[in-house]
């Protein structure tokens, strides 16, 4: 399967140690490497303390992507960093909930809600 994903990484203006990672499209084994390449630096960067993932326009993820998200979570937790999900569509949220990721990673309706909790 050859799917397309767009990844955008933005600083969060009022939070210099936070980054907003927006994924759009479909992520599977055919393009996961592109996501990994872009996120690797963020996860390991000392100045980045919180990653907020916006999944509003994410249409599809498979088990490898879920495993990768768990790997990011583990790496960040070991470094006393945090991660959150905002604006996830219902299908993606159902999958993440089914595999238990929502018990580990905070999920919020929008960025403002997440920022209030992640102070």
PDB file of N, CA and C in Angstrom:
ATOM      1  N   UNK A   1       0.845  -1.175   0.000  1.00  0.00           N
ATOM      2  CA  UNK A   1       0.000   0.000   0.000  1.00  0.00           C
ATOM      3  C   UNK A   1       0.894   1.243   0.000  1.00  0.00           C
ATOM      4  N   UNK A   2       0.641   2.153  -0.907  1.00  0.00           N
ATOM      5  CA  UNK A   2       1.397   3.401  -0.962  1.00  0.00           C
ATOM      6  C   UNK A   2       0.460   4.531  -0.559  1.00  0.00           C
ATOM      7  N   UNK A   3       0.587   4.984   0.650  1.00  0.00           N
ATOM      8  CA  UNK A   3      -0.312   5.994   1.178  1.00  0.00           C
ATOM      9  C   UNK A   3       0.434   7.304   1.377  1.00  0.00           C
ATOM     10  N   UNK A   4      -0.335   8.361   1.564  1.00  0.00           N
ATOM     11  CA  UNK A   4       0.275   9.674   1.731  1.00  0.00           C
ATOM     12  C   UNK A   4       0.005  10.210   3.125  1.00  0.00           C
ATOM     13  N   UNK A   5       1.033  10.813   3.676  1.00  0.00           N
ATOM     14  CA  UNK A   5       0.916  11.463   4.972  1.00  0.00           C
ATOM     15  C   UNK A   5       1.601  12.819   4.881  1.00  0.00           C
ATOM     16  N   UNK A   6       1.011  13.774   5.534  1.00  0.00           N
ATOM     17  CA  UNK A   6       1.638  15.083   5.686  1.00  0.00           C
ATOM     18  C   UNK A   6       1.931  15.263   7.161  1.00  0.00           C
ATOM     19  N   UNK A   7       3.121  15.730   7.457  1.00  0.00           N
ATOM     20  CA  UNK A   7       3.486  16.005   8.840  1.00  0.00           C
ATOM     21  C   UNK A   7       3.954  17.450   8.930  1.00  0.00           C
ATOM     22  N   UNK A   8       3.423  18.126   9.915  1.00  0.00           N
ATOM     23  CA  UNK A   8       3.797  19.520  10.135  1.00  0.00           C
ATOM     24  C   UNK A   8       4.173  19.666  11.605  1.00  0.00           C
ATOM     25  N   UNK A   9       5.287  20.312  11.851  1.00  0.00           N
ATOM     26  CA  UNK A   9       5.757  20.513  13.220  1.00  0.00           C
ATOM     27  C   UNK A   9       5.885  22.010  13.458  1.00  0.00           C
ATOM     28  N   UNK A  10       5.169  22.494  14.454  1.00  0.00           N
ATOM     29  CA  UNK A  10       5.157  23.925  14.750  1.00  0.00           C
ATOM     30  C   UNK A  10       5.484  24.171  16.216  1.00  0.00           C
ATOM     31  N   UNK A  11       6.206  25.253  16.489  1.00  0.00           N
ATOM     32  CA  UNK A  11       6.358  25.651  17.891  1.00  0.00           C
ATOM     33  C   UNK A  11       5.007  26.153  18.403  1.00  0.00           C
ATOM     34  N   UNK A  12       4.812  26.066  19.687  1.00  0.00           N
ATOM     35  CA  UNK A  12       3.610  26.628  20.296  1.00  0.00           C
ATOM     36  C   UNK A  12       4.057  27.925  20.962  1.00  0.00           C
ATOM     37  N   UNK A  13       3.550  29.022  20.438  1.00  0.00           N
ATOM     38  CA  UNK A  13       4.075  30.350  20.757  1.00  0.00           C
ATOM     39  C   UNK A  13       4.246  30.614  22.246  1.00  0.00           C
ATOM     40  N   UNK A  14       3.221  30.341  23.009  1.00  0.00           N
ATOM     41  CA  UNK A  14       3.285  30.662  24.434  1.00  0.00           C
ATOM     42  C   UNK A  14       4.019  29.607  25.265  1.00  0.00           C
ATOM     43  N   UNK A  15       4.462  28.539  24.608  1.00  0.00           N
ATOM     44  CA  UNK A  15       5.151  27.437  25.297  1.00  0.00           C
ATOM     45  C   UNK A  15       6.411  27.065  24.522  1.00  0.00           C
ATOM     46  N   UNK A  16       7.546  27.672  24.826  1.00  0.00           N
ATOM     47  CA  UNK A  16       8.754  27.442  24.024  1.00  0.00           C
ATOM     48  C   UNK A  16       9.268  26.004  24.033  1.00  0.00           C
ATOM     49  N   UNK A  17       8.928  25.214  25.035  1.00  0.00           N
ATOM     50  CA  UNK A  17       9.398  23.826  25.099  1.00  0.00           C
ATOM     51  C   UNK A  17       8.377  22.827  24.567  1.00  0.00           C
ATOM     52  N   UNK A  18       7.304  23.332  23.964  1.00  0.00           N
ATOM     53  CA  UNK A  18       6.255  22.489  23.414  1.00  0.00           C
ATOM     54  C   UNK A  18       6.332  22.517  21.890  1.00  0.00           C
ATOM     55  N   UNK A  19       5.940  21.424  21.254  1.00  0.00           N
ATOM     56  CA  UNK A  19       5.814  21.382  19.798  1.00  0.00           C
ATOM     57  C   UNK A  19       4.477  20.748  19.438  1.00  0.00           C
ATOM     58  N   UNK A  20       3.843  21.305  18.416  1.00  0.00           N
ATOM     59  CA  UNK A  20       2.598  20.766  17.884  1.00  0.00           C
ATOM     60  C   UNK A  20       2.930  19.966  16.635  1.00  0.00           C
ATOM     61  N   UNK A  21       2.595  18.691  16.653  1.00  0.00           N
ATOM     62  CA  UNK A  21       2.852  17.789  15.531  1.00  0.00           C
ATOM     63  C   UNK A  21       1.502  17.447  14.908  1.00  0.00           C
ATOM     64  N   UNK A  22       1.281  17.909  13.681  1.00  0.00           N
ATOM     65  CA  UNK A  22       0.022  17.658  12.996  1.00  0.00           C
ATOM     66  C   UNK A  22       0.242  16.614  11.914  1.00  0.00           C
ATOM     67  N   UNK A  23      -0.487  15.515  12.026  1.00  0.00           N
ATOM     68  CA  UNK A  23      -0.434  14.455  11.015  1.00  0.00           C
ATOM     69  C   UNK A  23      -1.734  14.463  10.237  1.00  0.00           C
ATOM     70  N   UNK A  24      -1.619  14.429   8.914  1.00  0.00           N
ATOM     71  CA  UNK A  24      -2.782  14.401   8.031  1.00  0.00           C
ATOM     72  C   UNK A  24      -2.626  13.267   7.042  1.00  0.00           C
ATOM     73  N   UNK A  25      -3.740  12.651   6.698  1.00  0.00           N
ATOM     74  CA  UNK A  25      -3.705  11.573   5.709  1.00  0.00           C
ATOM     75  C   UNK A  25      -3.671  10.216   6.366  1.00  0.00           C
ATOM     76  N   UNK A  26      -2.876   9.324   5.784  1.00  0.00           N
ATOM     77  CA  UNK A  26      -2.812   7.941   6.245  1.00  0.00           C
ATOM     78  C   UNK A  26      -1.369   7.566   6.547  1.00  0.00           C
ATOM     79  N   UNK A  27      -1.156   6.937   7.702  1.00  0.00           N
ATOM     80  CA  UNK A  27       0.190   6.505   8.077  1.00  0.00           C
ATOM     81  C   UNK A  27       0.187   4.989   8.206  1.00  0.00           C
ATOM     82  N   UNK A  28       1.092   4.354   7.485  1.00  0.00           N
ATOM     83  CA  UNK A  28       1.287   2.908   7.594  1.00  0.00           C
ATOM     84  C   UNK A  28       2.757   2.605   7.344  1.00  0.00           C
ATOM     85  N   UNK A  29       3.092   1.332   7.161  1.00  0.00           N
ATOM     86  CA  UNK A  29       4.503   0.966   7.006  1.00  0.00           C
ATOM     87  C   UNK A  29       5.152   1.572   5.764  1.00  0.00           C
ATOM     88  N   UNK A  30       4.361   1.985   4.774  1.00  0.00           N
ATOM     89  CA  UNK A  30       4.949   2.545   3.556  1.00  0.00           C
ATOM     90  C   UNK A  30       5.493   3.959   3.756  1.00  0.00           C
ATOM     91  N   UNK A  31       5.005   4.667   4.767  1.00  0.00           N
ATOM     92  CA  UNK A  31       5.474   6.040   4.969  1.00  0.00           C
ATOM     93  C   UNK A  31       5.839   6.355   6.423  1.00  0.00           C
ATOM     94  N   UNK A  32       5.783   5.361   7.286  1.00  0.00           N
ATOM     95  CA  UNK A  32       6.123   5.590   8.692  1.00  0.00           C
ATOM     96  C   UNK A  32       7.545   6.113   8.845  1.00  0.00           C
ATOM     97  N   UNK A  33       8.458   5.662   7.988  1.00  0.00           N
ATOM     98  CA  UNK A  33       9.854   6.121   8.072  1.00  0.00           C
ATOM     99  C   UNK A  33       9.970   7.638   7.941  1.00  0.00           C
ATOM    100  N   UNK A  34       9.102   8.255   7.136  1.00  0.00           N
ATOM    101  CA  UNK A  34       9.133   9.720   6.987  1.00  0.00           C
ATOM    102  C   UNK A  34       8.743  10.397   8.300  1.00  0.00           C
ATOM    103  N   UNK A  35       7.740   9.852   8.950  1.00  0.00           N
ATOM    104  CA  UNK A  35       7.304  10.394  10.236  1.00  0.00           C
ATOM    105  C   UNK A  35       8.408  10.203  11.272  1.00  0.00           C
ATOM    106  N   UNK A  36       8.994   9.009  11.304  1.00  0.00           N
ATOM    107  CA  UNK A  36      10.070   8.712  12.255  1.00  0.00           C
ATOM    108  C   UNK A  36      11.247   9.665  12.083  1.00  0.00           C
ATOM    109  N   UNK A  37      11.640   9.918  10.845  1.00  0.00           N
ATOM    110  CA  UNK A  37      12.776  10.805  10.578  1.00  0.00           C
ATOM    111  C   UNK A  37      12.539  12.201  11.138  1.00  0.00           C
ATOM    112  N   UNK A  38      11.325  12.697  10.968  1.00  0.00           N
ATOM    113  CA  UNK A  38      11.037  14.057  11.422  1.00  0.00           C
ATOM    114  C   UNK A  38      10.855  14.145  12.937  1.00  0.00           C
ATOM    115  N   UNK A  39      10.353  13.084  13.542  1.00  0.00           N
ATOM    116  CA  UNK A  39      10.105  13.121  14.983  1.00  0.00           C
ATOM    117  C   UNK A  39      11.316  12.734  15.820  1.00  0.00           C
ATOM    118  N   UNK A  40      12.235  11.991  15.241  1.00  0.00           N
ATOM    119  CA  UNK A  40      13.418  11.517  15.973  1.00  0.00           C
ATOM    120  C   UNK A  40      14.150  12.662  16.672  1.00  0.00           C
ATOM    121  N   UNK A  41      14.389  13.734  15.960  1.00  0.00           N
ATOM    122  CA  UNK A  41      15.104  14.875  16.527  1.00  0.00           C
ATOM    123  C   UNK A  41      14.320  15.500  17.672  1.00  0.00           C
ATOM    124  N   UNK A  42      13.008  15.638  17.489  1.00  0.00           N
ATOM    125  CA  UNK A  42      12.188  16.255  18.535  1.00  0.00           C
ATOM    126  C   UNK A  42      12.190  15.432  19.815  1.00  0.00           C
ATOM    127  N   UNK A  43      12.016  14.136  19.662  1.00  0.00           N
ATOM    128  CA  UNK A  43      11.939  13.258  20.828  1.00  0.00           C
ATOM    129  C   UNK A  43      13.237  13.312  21.628  1.00  0.00           C
ATOM    130  N   UNK A  44      14.360  13.407  20.940  1.00  0.00           N
ATOM    131  CA  UNK A  44      15.665  13.387  21.604  1.00  0.00           C
ATOM    132  C   UNK A  44      16.226  14.766  21.942  1.00  0.00           C
ATOM    133  N   UNK A  45      15.537  15.822  21.556  1.00  0.00           N
ATOM    134  CA  UNK A  45      16.012  17.184  21.795  1.00  0.00           C
ATOM    135  C   UNK A  45      15.715  17.590  23.237  1.00  0.00           C
ATOM    136  N   UNK A  46      16.743  18.020  23.946  1.00  0.00           N
ATOM    137  CA  UNK A  46      16.582  18.373  25.357  1.00  0.00           C
ATOM    138  C   UNK A  46      15.608  19.523  25.588  1.00  0.00           C
ATOM    139  N   UNK A  47      15.542  20.464  24.654  1.00  0.00           N
ATOM    140  CA  UNK A  47      14.682  21.630  24.838  1.00  0.00           C
ATOM    141  C   UNK A  47      13.203  21.335  24.612  1.00  0.00           C
ATOM    142  N   UNK A  48      12.884  20.251  23.946  1.00  0.00           N
ATOM    143  CA  UNK A  48      11.484  19.895  23.702  1.00  0.00           C
ATOM    144  C   UNK A  48      11.016  19.009  24.849  1.00  0.00           C
ATOM    145  N   UNK A  49      10.081  19.528  25.646  1.00  0.00           N
ATOM    146  CA  UNK A  49       9.590  18.802  26.823  1.00  0.00           C
ATOM    147  C   UNK A  49       8.217  18.169  26.598  1.00  0.00           C
ATOM    148  N   UNK A  50       7.445  18.720  25.658  1.00  0.00           N
ATOM    149  CA  UNK A  50       6.089  18.213  25.423  1.00  0.00           C
ATOM    150  C   UNK A  50       5.820  18.171  23.922  1.00  0.00           C
ATOM    151  N   UNK A  51       5.308  17.035  23.451  1.00  0.00           N
ATOM    152  CA  UNK A  51       4.821  16.913  22.079  1.00  0.00           C
ATOM    153  C   UNK A  51       3.309  16.788  22.126  1.00  0.00           C
ATOM    154  N   UNK A  52       2.634  17.654  21.392  1.00  0.00           N
ATOM    155  CA  UNK A  52       1.181  17.597  21.283  1.00  0.00           C
ATOM    156  C   UNK A  52       0.861  17.189  19.851  1.00  0.00           C
ATOM    157  N   UNK A  53       0.217  16.048  19.702  1.00  0.00           N
ATOM    158  CA  UNK A  53      -0.133  15.527  18.385  1.00  0.00           C
ATOM    159  C   UNK A  53      -1.559  15.916  18.041  1.00  0.00           C
ATOM    160  N   UNK A  54      -1.732  16.582  16.897  1.00  0.00           N
ATOM    161  CA  UNK A  54      -3.064  16.894  16.392  1.00  0.00           C
ATOM    162  C   UNK A  54      -3.414  15.845  15.341  1.00  0.00           C
ATOM    163  N   UNK A  55      -4.436  15.053  15.631  1.00  0.00           N
ATOM    164  CA  UNK A  55      -4.856  13.972  14.731  1.00  0.00           C
ATOM    165  C   UNK A  55      -6.179  14.280  14.035  1.00  0.00           C
ATOM    166  N   UNK A  56      -6.588  15.546  13.987  1.00  0.00           N
ATOM    167  CA  UNK A  56      -7.874  15.902  13.387  1.00  0.00           C
ATOM    168  C   UNK A  56      -8.008  15.381  11.960  1.00  0.00           C
ATOM    169  N   UNK A  57      -6.957  15.512  11.152  1.00  0.00           N
ATOM    170  CA  UNK A  57      -7.025  15.112   9.748  1.00  0.00           C
ATOM    171  C   UNK A  57      -6.313  13.794   9.470  1.00  0.00           C
ATOM    172  N   UNK A  58      -6.034  13.041  10.517  1.00  0.00           N
ATOM    173  CA  UNK A  58      -5.427  11.726  10.349  1.00  0.00           C
ATOM    174  C   UNK A  58      -6.534  10.728  10.038  1.00  0.00           C
ATOM    175  N   UNK A  59      -6.425  10.069   8.892  1.00  0.00           N
ATOM    176  CA  UNK A  59      -7.487   9.180   8.426  1.00  0.00           C
ATOM    177  C   UNK A  59      -7.263   7.721   8.799  1.00  0.00           C
ATOM    178  N   UNK A  60      -5.997   7.312   8.899  1.00  0.00           N
ATOM    179  CA  UNK A  60      -5.718   5.889   9.094  1.00  0.00           C
ATOM    180  C   UNK A  60      -4.360   5.703   9.755  1.00  0.00           C
ATOM    181  N   UNK A  61      -4.295   4.757  10.687  1.00  0.00           N
ATOM    182  CA  UNK A  61      -3.027   4.282  11.236  1.00  0.00           C
ATOM    183  C   UNK A  61      -3.135   2.773  11.380  1.00  0.00           C
ATOM    184  N   UNK A  62      -1.996   2.092  11.306  1.00  0.00           N
ATOM    185  CA  UNK A  62      -2.023   0.645  11.506  1.00  0.00           C
ATOM    186  C   UNK A  62      -1.246   0.285  12.770  1.00  0.00           C
ATOM    187  N   UNK A  63      -1.083  -0.992  13.007  1.00  0.00           N
ATOM    188  CA  UNK A  63      -0.463  -1.449  14.256  1.00  0.00           C
ATOM    189  C   UNK A  63       0.992  -0.995  14.392  1.00  0.00           C
ATOM    190  N   UNK A  64       1.706  -0.882  13.289  1.00  0.00           N
ATOM    191  CA  UNK A  64       3.099  -0.398  13.374  1.00  0.00           C
ATOM    192  C   UNK A  64       3.156   1.045  13.853  1.00  0.00           C
ATOM    193  N   UNK A  65       2.225   1.843  13.397  1.00  0.00           N
ATOM    194  CA  UNK A  65       2.168   3.247  13.813  1.00  0.00           C
ATOM    195  C   UNK A  65       1.812   3.331  15.296  1.00  0.00           C
ATOM    196  N   UNK A  66       0.876   2.506  15.722  1.00  0.00           N
ATOM    197  CA  UNK A  66       0.510   2.471  17.137  1.00  0.00           C
ATOM    198  C   UNK A  66       1.727   2.080  17.972  1.00  0.00           C
ATOM    199  N   UNK A  67       2.464   1.091  17.513  1.00  0.00           N
ATOM    200  CA  UNK A  67       3.688   0.688  18.206  1.00  0.00           C
ATOM    201  C   UNK A  67       4.700   1.813  18.262  1.00  0.00           C
ATOM    202  N   UNK A  68       4.808   2.569  17.176  1.00  0.00           N
ATOM    203  CA  UNK A  68       5.742   3.693  17.153  1.00  0.00           C
ATOM    204  C   UNK A  68       5.309   4.782  18.140  1.00  0.00           C
ATOM    205  N   UNK A  69       4.010   5.068  18.202  1.00  0.00           N
ATOM    206  CA  UNK A  69       3.519   6.052  19.170  1.00  0.00           C
ATOM    207  C   UNK A  69       3.838   5.610  20.599  1.00  0.00           C
ATOM    208  N   UNK A  70       3.692   4.324  20.863  1.00  0.00           N
ATOM    209  CA  UNK A  70       4.032   3.792  22.181  1.00  0.00           C
ATOM    210  C   UNK A  70       5.526   3.939  22.460  1.00  0.00           C
ATOM    211  N   UNK A  71       6.336   3.734  21.441  1.00  0.00           N
ATOM    212  CA  UNK A  71       7.783   3.901  21.569  1.00  0.00           C
ATOM    213  C   UNK A  71       8.143   5.351  21.892  1.00  0.00           C
ATOM    214  N   UNK A  72       7.495   6.291  21.209  1.00  0.00           N
ATOM    215  CA  UNK A  72       7.718   7.715  21.494  1.00  0.00           C
ATOM    216  C   UNK A  72       7.329   8.008  22.938  1.00  0.00           C
ATOM    217  N   UNK A  73       6.158   7.515  23.325  1.00  0.00           N
ATOM    218  CA  UNK A  73       5.692   7.739  24.695  1.00  0.00           C
ATOM    219  C   UNK A  73       6.721   7.225  25.706  1.00  0.00           C
ATOM    220  N   UNK A  74       7.209   6.022  25.495  1.00  0.00           N
ATOM    221  CA  UNK A  74       8.178   5.419  26.420  1.00  0.00           C
ATOM    222  C   UNK A  74       9.462   6.238  26.498  1.00  0.00           C
ATOM    223  N   UNK A  75       9.978   6.646  25.344  1.00  0.00           N
ATOM    224  CA  UNK A  75      11.203   7.454  25.316  1.00  0.00           C
ATOM    225  C   UNK A  75      11.012   8.775  26.040  1.00  0.00           C
ATOM    226  N   UNK A  76       9.873   9.393  25.812  1.00  0.00           N
ATOM    227  CA  UNK A  76       9.620  10.688  26.445  1.00  0.00           C
ATOM    228  C   UNK A  76       9.408  10.528  27.946  1.00  0.00           C
ATOM    229  N   UNK A  77       8.683   9.496  28.348  1.00  0.00           N
ATOM    230  CA  UNK A  77       8.441   9.273  29.776  1.00  0.00           C
ATOM    231  C   UNK A  77       9.754   9.017  30.515  1.00  0.00           C
ATOM    232  N   UNK A  78      10.653   8.265  29.901  1.00  0.00           N
ATOM    233  CA  UNK A  78      11.962   8.002  30.516  1.00  0.00           C
ATOM    234  C   UNK A  78      12.754   9.287  30.729  1.00  0.00           C
ATOM    235  N   UNK A  79      12.550  10.258  29.844  1.00  0.00           N
ATOM    236  CA  UNK A  79      13.260  11.537  29.938  1.00  0.00           C
ATOM    237  C   UNK A  79      12.439  12.586  30.688  1.00  0.00           C
ATOM    238  N   UNK A  80      11.374  12.143  31.380  1.00  0.00           N
ATOM    239  CA  UNK A  80      10.485  13.030  32.123  1.00  0.00           C
ATOM    240  C   UNK A  80       9.850  14.087  31.217  1.00  0.00           C
ATOM    241  N   UNK A  81       9.478  13.653  30.026  1.00  0.00           N
ATOM    242  CA  UNK A  81       8.792  14.511  29.068  1.00  0.00           C
ATOM    243  C   UNK A  81       7.359  14.015  28.923  1.00  0.00           C
ATOM    244  N   UNK A  82       6.529  14.819  28.261  1.00  0.00           N
ATOM    245  CA  UNK A  82       5.117  14.457  28.140  1.00  0.00           C
ATOM    246  C   UNK A  82       4.661  14.493  26.695  1.00  0.00           C
ATOM    247  N   UNK A  83       3.522  13.869  26.493  1.00  0.00           N
ATOM    248  CA  UNK A  83       2.943  13.800  25.158  1.00  0.00           C
ATOM    249  C   UNK A  83       1.425  13.840  25.309  1.00  0.00           C
ATOM    250  N   UNK A  84       0.753  14.445  24.331  1.00  0.00           N
ATOM    251  CA  UNK A  84      -0.706  14.540  24.364  1.00  0.00           C
ATOM    252  C   UNK A  84      -1.249  14.454  22.943  1.00  0.00           C
ATOM    253  N   UNK A  85      -2.528  14.147  22.860  1.00  0.00           N
ATOM    254  CA  UNK A  85      -3.233  14.080  21.576  1.00  0.00           C
ATOM    255  C   UNK A  85      -4.394  15.060  21.644  1.00  0.00           C
ATOM    256  N   UNK A  86      -4.570  15.844  20.576  1.00  0.00           N
ATOM    257  CA  UNK A  86      -5.705  16.768  20.500  1.00  0.00           C
ATOM    258  C   UNK A  86      -6.458  16.561  19.196  1.00  0.00           C
ATOM    259  N   UNK A  87      -7.737  16.909  19.250  1.00  0.00           N
ATOM    260  CA  UNK A  87      -8.607  16.950  18.072  1.00  0.00           C
ATOM    261  C   UNK A  87      -8.609  15.669  17.247  1.00  0.00           C
ATOM    262  N   UNK A  88      -8.487  14.533  17.883  1.00  0.00           N
ATOM    263  CA  UNK A  88      -8.492  13.277  17.135  1.00  0.00           C
ATOM    264  C   UNK A  88      -9.899  12.980  16.634  1.00  0.00           C
ATOM    265  N   UNK A  89      -9.980  12.480  15.401  1.00  0.00           N
ATOM    266  CA  UNK A  89     -11.296  12.078  14.918  1.00  0.00           C
ATOM    267  C   UNK A  89     -11.722  10.807  15.642  1.00  0.00           C
ATOM    268  N   UNK A  90     -13.001  10.494  15.574  1.00  0.00           N
ATOM    269  CA  UNK A  90     -13.558   9.388  16.354  1.00  0.00           C
ATOM    270  C   UNK A  90     -12.961   8.038  15.980  1.00  0.00           C
ATOM    271  N   UNK A  91     -12.708   7.800  14.701  1.00  0.00           N
ATOM    272  CA  UNK A  91     -12.155   6.505  14.286  1.00  0.00           C
ATOM    273  C   UNK A  91     -10.770   6.271  14.882  1.00  0.00           C
ATOM    274  N   UNK A  92      -9.903   7.254  14.781  1.00  0.00           N
ATOM    275  CA  UNK A  92      -8.550   7.126  15.326  1.00  0.00           C
ATOM    276  C   UNK A  92      -8.615   6.999  16.846  1.00  0.00           C
ATOM    277  N   UNK A  93      -9.473   7.794  17.476  1.00  0.00           N
ATOM    278  CA  UNK A  93      -9.589   7.740  18.935  1.00  0.00           C
ATOM    279  C   UNK A  93     -10.078   6.373  19.390  1.00  0.00           C
ATOM    280  N   UNK A  94     -10.992   5.779  18.663  1.00  0.00           N
ATOM    281  CA  UNK A  94     -11.493   4.443  19.007  1.00  0.00           C
ATOM    282  C   UNK A  94     -10.380   3.408  18.952  1.00  0.00           C
ATOM    283  N   UNK A  95      -9.542   3.490  17.926  1.00  0.00           N
ATOM    284  CA  UNK A  95      -8.422   2.551  17.788  1.00  0.00           C
ATOM    285  C   UNK A  95      -7.440   2.732  18.943  1.00  0.00           C
ATOM    286  N   UNK A  96      -7.077   3.973  19.228  1.00  0.00           N
ATOM    287  CA  UNK A  96      -6.127   4.245  20.309  1.00  0.00           C
ATOM    288  C   UNK A  96      -6.684   3.812  21.663  1.00  0.00           C
ATOM    289  N   UNK A  97      -7.971   3.996  21.848  1.00  0.00           N
ATOM    290  CA  UNK A  97      -8.616   3.578  23.085  1.00  0.00           C
ATOM    291  C   UNK A  97      -8.653   2.055  23.200  1.00  0.00           C
ATOM    292  N   UNK A  98      -8.963   1.393  22.108  1.00  0.00           N
ATOM    293  CA  UNK A  98      -9.054  -0.065  22.086  1.00  0.00           C
ATOM    294  C   UNK A  98      -7.738  -0.723  22.493  1.00  0.00           C
ATOM    295  N   UNK A  99      -6.621  -0.155  22.058  1.00  0.00           N
ATOM    296  CA  UNK A  99      -5.315  -0.743  22.387  1.00  0.00           C
ATOM    297  C   UNK A  99      -4.731  -0.182  23.694  1.00  0.00           C
ATOM    298  N   UNK A 100      -5.454   0.718  24.342  1.00  0.00           N
ATOM    299  CA  UNK A 100      -5.037   1.209  25.651  1.00  0.00           C
ATOM    300  C   UNK A 100      -4.131   2.423  25.652  1.00  0.00           C
ATOM    301  N   UNK A 101      -3.862   3.005  24.499  1.00  0.00           N
ATOM    302  CA  UNK A 101      -2.970   4.170  24.462  1.00  0.00           C
ATOM    303  C   UNK A 101      -3.564   5.379  25.181  1.00  0.00           C
ATOM    304  N   UNK A 102      -4.882   5.475  25.195  1.00  0.00           N
ATOM    305  CA  UNK A 102      -5.509   6.633  25.832  1.00  0.00           C
ATOM    306  C   UNK A 102      -5.396   6.592  27.353  1.00  0.00           C
ATOM    307  N   UNK A 103      -5.025   5.444  27.909  1.00  0.00           N
ATOM    308  CA  UNK A 103      -4.786   5.395  29.354  1.00  0.00           C
ATOM    309  C   UNK A 103      -3.395   5.922  29.693  1.00  0.00           C
ATOM    310  N   UNK A 104      -2.511   5.958  28.701  1.00  0.00           N
ATOM    311  CA  UNK A 104      -1.144   6.442  28.897  1.00  0.00           C
ATOM    312  C   UNK A 104      -0.967   7.885  28.452  1.00  0.00           C
ATOM    313  N   UNK A 105      -1.581   8.212  27.336  1.00  0.00           N
ATOM    314  CA  UNK A 105      -1.384   9.513  26.697  1.00  0.00           C
ATOM    315  C   UNK A 105      -2.652  10.343  26.865  1.00  0.00           C
ATOM    316  N   UNK A 106      -2.508  11.542  27.415  1.00  0.00           N
ATOM    317  CA  UNK A 106      -3.658  12.420  27.577  1.00  0.00           C
ATOM    318  C   UNK A 106      -4.238  12.816  26.232  1.00  0.00           C
ATOM    319  N   UNK A 107      -5.555  12.894  26.169  1.00  0.00           N
ATOM    320  CA  UNK A 107      -6.219  13.300  24.930  1.00  0.00           C
ATOM    321  C   UNK A 107      -7.234  14.389  25.259  1.00  0.00           C
ATOM    322  N   UNK A 108      -7.260  15.418  24.416  1.00  0.00           N
ATOM    323  CA  UNK A 108      -8.040  16.608  24.693  1.00  0.00           C
ATOM    324  C   UNK A 108      -8.787  17.043  23.440  1.00  0.00           C
ATOM    325  N   UNK A 109      -9.887  17.758  23.654  1.00  0.00           N
ATOM    326  CA  UNK A 109     -10.704  18.207  22.538  1.00  0.00           C
ATOM    327  C   UNK A 109     -10.006  19.211  21.638  1.00  0.00           C
ATOM    328  N   UNK A 110      -9.158  20.051  22.238  1.00  0.00           N
ATOM    329  CA  UNK A 110      -8.443  21.043  21.437  1.00  0.00           C
ATOM    330  C   UNK A 110      -7.130  21.420  22.124  1.00  0.00           C
ATOM    331  N   UNK A 111      -6.345  22.211  21.441  1.00  0.00           N
ATOM    332  CA  UNK A 111      -5.028  22.596  21.942  1.00  0.00           C
ATOM    333  C   UNK A 111      -5.123  23.398  23.237  1.00  0.00           C
ATOM    334  N   UNK A 112      -6.087  24.292  23.327  1.00  0.00           N
ATOM    335  CA  UNK A 112      -6.232  25.110  24.541  1.00  0.00           C
ATOM    336  C   UNK A 112      -6.450  24.248  25.775  1.00  0.00           C
ATOM    337  N   UNK A 113      -7.312  23.234  25.647  1.00  0.00           N
ATOM    338  CA  UNK A 113      -7.555  22.319  26.769  1.00  0.00           C
ATOM    339  C   UNK A 113      -6.268  21.609  27.170  1.00  0.00           C
ATOM    340  N   UNK A 114      -5.534  21.140  26.187  1.00  0.00           N
ATOM    341  CA  UNK A 114      -4.284  20.425  26.469  1.00  0.00           C
ATOM    342  C   UNK A 114      -3.285  21.334  27.170  1.00  0.00           C
ATOM    343  N   UNK A 115      -3.161  22.562  26.701  1.00  0.00           N
ATOM    344  CA  UNK A 115      -2.187  23.486  27.288  1.00  0.00           C
ATOM    345  C   UNK A 115      -2.522  23.820  28.740  1.00  0.00           C
ATOM    346  N   UNK A 116      -3.816  23.904  29.062  1.00  0.00           N
ATOM    347  CA  UNK A 116      -4.215  24.162  30.447  1.00  0.00           C
ATOM    348  C   UNK A 116      -3.758  23.039  31.371  1.00  0.00           C
ATOM    349  N   UNK A 117      -3.889  21.810  30.908  1.00  0.00           N
ATOM    350  CA  UNK A 117      -3.542  20.646  31.725  1.00  0.00           C
ATOM    351  C   UNK A 117      -2.034  20.423  31.769  1.00  0.00           C
ATOM    352  N   UNK A 118      -1.353  20.722  30.677  1.00  0.00           N
ATOM    353  CA  UNK A 118       0.075  20.428  30.556  1.00  0.00           C
ATOM    354  C   UNK A 118       0.975  21.526  31.102  1.00  0.00           C
ATOM    355  N   UNK A 119       0.424  22.476  31.807  1.00  0.00           N
ATOM    356  CA  UNK A 119       1.207  23.590  32.376  1.00  0.00           C
ATOM    357  C   UNK A 119       2.479  23.123  33.011  1.00  0.00           C
TER     358      UNK A 119
END
